[in-house]
């Protein structure tokens, strides 16, 4: 069992992307700086989705089914969700293409 562990550590250490520190494994070529604007964009769109869902709940109670504001708000939520999904899929595909 210990030989297997030593072999795994040797493989990880010899691999060019990984370094071993005393506390944890770290990536040398971290992509967190490159994806930071995308993460901020996703967080903002997600907050808009939650806001749209909350406004639909508010309109449901306030209008008691007499207007279409709730349906419009839920439609905006679905549209934003699809938009966020498509943007994430495209960004994932482009990141794979650049490597």
Foldseek 3Di string as FASTA:
>chain_A
DVVVVVVVVVVQCPDPQWHDDPPGIDGPPDCCVVCVVVVVVLVVLVVLLVVLQVVLVVCCVPVVPPDCSNVVSVVVSVVSVVVNVVVVVVVVVVVVVVD
